[in-house]
Amino acid sequence: MRIFRSSFCLLMGTGFGIYVAQNYNVPNIKKLFNTYMIVAKHIEENYRKPKNKDDD
């Protein structure tokens, strides 16, 4: 019986996700992640400690 309960939850979650995606303005997670990665890379490059010539 456990497999029916877990598959029911999976189907309900999938159906709810489809409903929300069609009826509401859901942001594209992949685009948000890529934007945040670009911002993080920019911040990291600007605030990085300068390399010493002795460390080479």
PDB file of N, CA and C in Angstrom:
ATOM      1  N   MET A   1       0.805  -1.195   0.000  1.00  0.00           N
ATOM      2  CA  MET A   1       0.000   0.000   0.000  1.00  0.00           C
ATOM      3  C   MET A   1       0.851   1.263   0.000  1.00  0.00           C
ATOM      4  N   ARG A   2       2.056   1.138   0.503  1.00  0.00           N
ATOM      5  CA  ARG A   2       2.931   2.310   0.573  1.00  0.00           C
ATOM      6  C   ARG A   2       3.253   2.848  -0.819  1.00  0.00           C
ATOM      7  N   ILE A   3       3.406   1.967  -1.802  1.00  0.00           N
ATOM      8  CA  ILE A   3       3.746   2.417  -3.155  1.00  0.00           C
ATOM      9  C   ILE A   3       2.599   3.230  -3.756  1.00  0.00           C
ATOM     10  N   PHE A   4       1.363   2.877  -3.426  1.00  0.00           N
ATOM     11  CA  PHE A   4       0.220   3.646  -3.943  1.00  0.00           C
ATOM     12  C   PHE A   4       0.168   5.037  -3.316  1.00  0.00           C
ATOM     13  N   ARG A   5       0.487   5.121  -2.040  1.00  0.00           N
ATOM     14  CA  ARG A   5       0.463   6.409  -1.352  1.00  0.00           C
ATOM     15  C   ARG A   5       1.552   7.327  -1.899  1.00  0.00           C
ATOM     16  N   SER A   6       2.759   6.774  -2.100  1.00  0.00           N
ATOM     17  CA  SER A   6       3.844   7.617  -2.605  1.00  0.00           C
ATOM     18  C   SER A   6       3.609   8.010  -4.061  1.00  0.00           C
ATOM     19  N   SER A   7       3.060   7.105  -4.875  1.00  0.00           N
ATOM     20  CA  SER A   7       2.788   7.468  -6.268  1.00  0.00           C
ATOM     21  C   SER A   7       1.639   8.471  -6.343  1.00  0.00           C
ATOM     22  N   PHE A   8       0.665   8.369  -5.425  1.00  0.00           N
ATOM     23  CA  PHE A   8      -0.420   9.349  -5.383  1.00  0.00           C
ATOM     24  C   PHE A   8       0.133  10.739  -5.066  1.00  0.00           C
ATOM     25  N   CYS A   9       1.034  10.815  -4.085  1.00  0.00           N
ATOM     26  CA  CYS A   9       1.647  12.107  -3.738  1.00  0.00           C
ATOM     27  C   CYS A   9       2.448  12.660  -4.906  1.00  0.00           C
ATOM     28  N   LEU A  10       3.161  11.805  -5.609  1.00  0.00           N
ATOM     29  CA  LEU A  10       3.936  12.235  -6.772  1.00  0.00           C
ATOM     30  C   LEU A  10       3.018  12.790  -7.857  1.00  0.00           C
ATOM     31  N   LEU A  11       1.934  12.075  -8.139  1.00  0.00           N
ATOM     32  CA  LEU A  11       0.996  12.538  -9.167  1.00  0.00           C
ATOM     33  C   LEU A  11       0.309  13.838  -8.769  1.00  0.00           C
ATOM     34  N   MET A  12      -0.063  13.974  -7.507  1.00  0.00           N
ATOM     35  CA  MET A  12      -0.697  15.215  -7.047  1.00  0.00           C
ATOM     36  C   MET A  12       0.288  16.385  -7.114  1.00  0.00           C
ATOM     37  N   GLY A  13       1.527  16.147  -6.729  1.00  0.00           N
ATOM     38  CA  GLY A  13       2.539  17.202  -6.805  1.00  0.00           C
ATOM     39  C   GLY A  13       2.818  17.622  -8.236  1.00  0.00           C
ATOM     40  N   THR A  14       2.880  16.652  -9.133  1.00  0.00           N
ATOM     41  CA  THR A  14       3.100  16.956 -10.546  1.00  0.00           C
ATOM     42  C   THR A  14       1.926  17.753 -11.117  1.00  0.00           C
ATOM     43  N   GLY A  15       0.720  17.315 -10.800  1.00  0.00           N
ATOM     44  CA  GLY A  15      -0.466  18.037 -11.277  1.00  0.00           C
ATOM     45  C   GLY A  15      -0.525  19.453 -10.732  1.00  0.00           C
ATOM     46  N   PHE A  16      -0.202  19.620  -9.456  1.00  0.00           N
ATOM     47  CA  PHE A  16      -0.191  20.953  -8.861  1.00  0.00           C
ATOM     48  C   PHE A  16       0.877  21.826  -9.513  1.00  0.00           C
ATOM     49  N   GLY A  17       2.055  21.265  -9.777  1.00  0.00           N
ATOM     50  CA  GLY A  17       3.124  22.017 -10.423  1.00  0.00           C
ATOM     51  C   GLY A  17       2.748  22.468 -11.826  1.00  0.00           C
ATOM     52  N   ILE A  18       2.091  21.600 -12.553  1.00  0.00           N
ATOM     53  CA  ILE A  18       1.635  21.957 -13.906  1.00  0.00           C
ATOM     54  C   ILE A  18       0.596  23.073 -13.833  1.00  0.00           C
ATOM     55  N   TYR A  19      -0.335  22.968 -12.901  1.00  0.00           N
ATOM     56  CA  TYR A  19      -1.369  23.994 -12.737  1.00  0.00           C
ATOM     57  C   TYR A  19      -0.745  25.350 -12.418  1.00  0.00           C
ATOM     58  N   VAL A  20       0.187  25.364 -11.466  1.00  0.00           N
ATOM     59  CA  VAL A  20       0.824  26.622 -11.059  1.00  0.00           C
ATOM     60  C   VAL A  20       1.624  27.213 -12.212  1.00  0.00           C
ATOM     61  N   ALA A  21       2.360  26.364 -12.945  1.00  0.00           N
ATOM     62  CA  ALA A  21       3.185  26.857 -14.049  1.00  0.00           C
ATOM     63  C   ALA A  21       2.338  27.458 -15.164  1.00  0.00           C
ATOM     64  N   GLN A  22       1.142  26.921 -15.375  1.00  0.00           N
ATOM     65  CA  GLN A  22       0.292  27.433 -16.452  1.00  0.00           C
ATOM     66  C   GLN A  22      -0.480  28.691 -16.060  1.00  0.00           C
ATOM     67  N   ASN A  23      -0.812  28.820 -14.778  1.00  0.00           N
ATOM     68  CA  ASN A  23      -1.712  29.895 -14.375  1.00  0.00           C
ATOM     69  C   ASN A  23      -1.046  31.053 -13.646  1.00  0.00           C
ATOM     70  N   TYR A  24       0.196  30.911 -13.281  1.00  0.00           N
ATOM     71  CA  TYR A  24       0.881  31.971 -12.549  1.00  0.00           C
ATOM     72  C   TYR A  24       2.207  32.281 -13.224  1.00  0.00           C
ATOM     73  N   ASN A  25       2.726  33.464 -12.949  1.00  0.00           N
ATOM     74  CA  ASN A  25       3.994  33.896 -13.524  1.00  0.00           C
ATOM     75  C   ASN A  25       5.137  33.349 -12.664  1.00  0.00           C
ATOM     76  N   VAL A  26       5.585  32.147 -12.995  1.00  0.00           N
ATOM     77  CA  VAL A  26       6.640  31.479 -12.243  1.00  0.00           C
ATOM     78  C   VAL A  26       7.972  31.821 -12.902  1.00  0.00           C
ATOM     79  N   PRO A  27       8.963  32.283 -12.136  1.00  0.00           N
ATOM     80  CA  PRO A  27      10.241  32.644 -12.750  1.00  0.00           C
ATOM     81  C   PRO A  27      10.991  31.416 -13.244  1.00  0.00           C
ATOM     82  N   ASN A  28      11.806  31.626 -14.259  1.00  0.00           N
ATOM     83  CA  ASN A  28      12.635  30.557 -14.803  1.00  0.00           C
ATOM     84  C   ASN A  28      13.844  30.393 -13.880  1.00  0.00           C
ATOM     85  N   ILE A  29      13.919  29.278 -13.183  1.00  0.00           N
ATOM     86  CA  ILE A  29      14.953  29.045 -12.184  1.00  0.00           C
ATOM     87  C   ILE A  29      16.334  28.980 -12.829  1.00  0.00           C
ATOM     88  N   LYS A  30      16.425  28.405 -14.006  1.00  0.00           N
ATOM     89  CA  LYS A  30      17.727  28.287 -14.678  1.00  0.00           C
ATOM     90  C   LYS A  30      18.294  29.673 -15.010  1.00  0.00           C
ATOM     91  N   LYS A  31      17.445  30.587 -15.477  1.00  0.00           N
ATOM     92  CA  LYS A  31      17.894  31.950 -15.785  1.00  0.00           C
ATOM     93  C   LYS A  31      18.303  32.689 -14.516  1.00  0.00           C
ATOM     94  N   LEU A  32      17.516  32.523 -13.444  1.00  0.00           N
ATOM     95  CA  LEU A  32      17.866  33.166 -12.170  1.00  0.00           C
ATOM     96  C   LEU A  32      19.204  32.661 -11.655  1.00  0.00           C
ATOM     97  N   PHE A  33      19.418  31.364 -11.716  1.00  0.00           N
ATOM     98  CA  PHE A  33      20.674  30.778 -11.250  1.00  0.00           C
ATOM     99  C   PHE A  33      21.846  31.308 -12.057  1.00  0.00           C
ATOM    100  N   ASN A  34      21.706  31.351 -13.385  1.00  0.00           N
ATOM    101  CA  ASN A  34      22.791  31.862 -14.238  1.00  0.00           C
ATOM    102  C   ASN A  34      23.077  33.333 -13.941  1.00  0.00           C
ATOM    103  N   THR A  35      22.042  34.126 -13.704  1.00  0.00           N
ATOM    104  CA  THR A  35      22.226  35.537 -13.367  1.00  0.00           C
ATOM    105  C   THR A  35      22.984  35.686 -12.054  1.00  0.00           C
ATOM    106  N   TYR A  36      22.578  34.910 -11.042  1.00  0.00           N
ATOM    107  CA  TYR A  36      23.255  34.969  -9.749  1.00  0.00           C
ATOM    108  C   TYR A  36      24.705  34.496  -9.851  1.00  0.00           C
ATOM    109  N   MET A  37      24.983  33.526 -10.696  1.00  0.00           N
ATOM    110  CA  MET A  37      26.355  33.061 -10.874  1.00  0.00           C
ATOM    111  C   MET A  37      27.219  34.139 -11.529  1.00  0.00           C
ATOM    112  N   ILE A  38      26.671  34.858 -12.482  1.00  0.00           N
ATOM    113  CA  ILE A  38      27.413  35.942 -13.137  1.00  0.00           C
ATOM    114  C   ILE A  38      27.708  37.057 -12.137  1.00  0.00           C
ATOM    115  N   VAL A  39      26.705  37.407 -11.317  1.00  0.00           N
ATOM    116  CA  VAL A  39      26.896  38.446 -10.306  1.00  0.00           C
ATOM    117  C   VAL A  39      27.939  38.008  -9.282  1.00  0.00           C
ATOM    118  N   ALA A  40      27.861  36.756  -8.840  1.00  0.00           N
ATOM    119  CA  ALA A  40      28.827  36.250  -7.864  1.00  0.00           C
ATOM    120  C   ALA A  40      30.243  36.235  -8.447  1.00  0.00           C
ATOM    121  N   LYS A  41      30.379  35.861  -9.695  1.00  0.00           N
ATOM    122  CA  LYS A  41      31.694  35.849 -10.345  1.00  0.00           C
ATOM    123  C   LYS A  41      32.249  37.272 -10.452  1.00  0.00           C
ATOM    124  N   HIS A  42      31.389  38.217 -10.795  1.00  0.00           N
ATOM    125  CA  HIS A  42      31.806  39.616 -10.902  1.00  0.00           C
ATOM    126  C   HIS A  42      32.283  40.145  -9.544  1.00  0.00           C
ATOM    127  N   ILE A  43      31.530  39.866  -8.493  1.00  0.00           N
ATOM    128  CA  ILE A  43      31.904  40.312  -7.146  1.00  0.00           C
ATOM    129  C   ILE A  43      33.210  39.658  -6.712  1.00  0.00           C
ATOM    130  N   GLU A  44      33.336  38.363  -6.983  1.00  0.00           N
ATOM    131  CA  GLU A  44      34.548  37.641  -6.585  1.00  0.00           C
ATOM    132  C   GLU A  44      35.777  38.191  -7.307  1.00  0.00           C
ATOM    133  N   GLU A  45      35.651  38.526  -8.577  1.00  0.00           N
ATOM    134  CA  GLU A  45      36.788  39.062  -9.326  1.00  0.00           C
ATOM    135  C   GLU A  45      37.163  40.463  -8.852  1.00  0.00           C
ATOM    136  N   ASN A  46      36.182  41.272  -8.471  1.00  0.00           N
ATOM    137  CA  ASN A  46      36.467  42.645  -8.062  1.00  0.00           C
ATOM    138  C   ASN A  46      37.036  42.752  -6.651  1.00  0.00           C
ATOM    139  N   TYR A  47      36.665  41.849  -5.770  1.00  0.00           N
ATOM    140  CA  TYR A  47      37.087  41.955  -4.377  1.00  0.00           C
ATOM    141  C   TYR A  47      38.142  40.927  -3.980  1.00  0.00           C
ATOM    142  N   ARG A  48      38.716  40.238  -4.926  1.00  0.00           N
ATOM    143  CA  ARG A  48      39.754  39.252  -4.647  1.00  0.00           C
ATOM    144  C   ARG A  48      41.034  39.950  -4.204  1.00  0.00           C
ATOM    145  N   LYS A  49      41.750  39.308  -3.290  1.00  0.00           N
ATOM    146  CA  LYS A  49      43.030  39.865  -2.862  1.00  0.00           C
ATOM    147  C   LYS A  49      44.001  39.830  -4.042  1.00  0.00           C
ATOM    148  N   PRO A  50      44.825  40.849  -4.177  1.00  0.00           N
ATOM    149  CA  PRO A  50      45.806  40.817  -5.268  1.00  0.00           C
ATOM    150  C   PRO A  50      46.864  39.747  -4.988  1.00  0.00           C
ATOM    151  N   LYS A  51      47.331  39.119  -6.063  1.00  0.00           N
ATOM    152  CA  LYS A  51      48.353  38.081  -5.918  1.00  0.00           C
ATOM    153  C   LYS A  51      49.707  38.725  -5.642  1.00  0.00           C
ATOM    154  N   ASN A  52      50.472  38.099  -4.765  1.00  0.00           N
ATOM    155  CA  ASN A  52      51.844  38.521  -4.513  1.00  0.00           C
ATOM    156  C   ASN A  52      52.770  37.813  -5.481  1.00  0.00           C
ATOM    157  N   LYS A  53      53.824  38.477  -5.892  1.00  0.00           N
ATOM    158  CA  LYS A  53      54.771  37.849  -6.818  1.00  0.00           C
ATOM    159  C   LYS A  53      55.572  36.765  -6.095  1.00  0.00           C
ATOM    160  N   ASP A  54      55.683  36.848  -4.768  1.00  0.00           N
ATOM    161  CA  ASP A  54      56.431  35.859  -4.007  1.00  0.00           C
ATOM    162  C   ASP A  54      55.687  34.524  -3.896  1.00  0.00           C
ATOM    163  N   ASP A  55      54.369  34.521  -4.121  1.00  0.00           N
ATOM    164  CA  ASP A  55      53.563  33.304  -3.974  1.00  0.00           C
ATOM    165  C   ASP A  55      53.712  32.357  -5.164  1.00  0.00           C
ATOM    166  N   ASP A  56      54.258  32.794  -6.272  1.00  0.00           N
ATOM    167  CA  ASP A  56      54.358  31.955  -7.475  1.00  0.00           C
ATOM    168  C   ASP A  56      55.262  30.821  -7.275  1.00  0.00           C
TER     169      ASP A  56
END
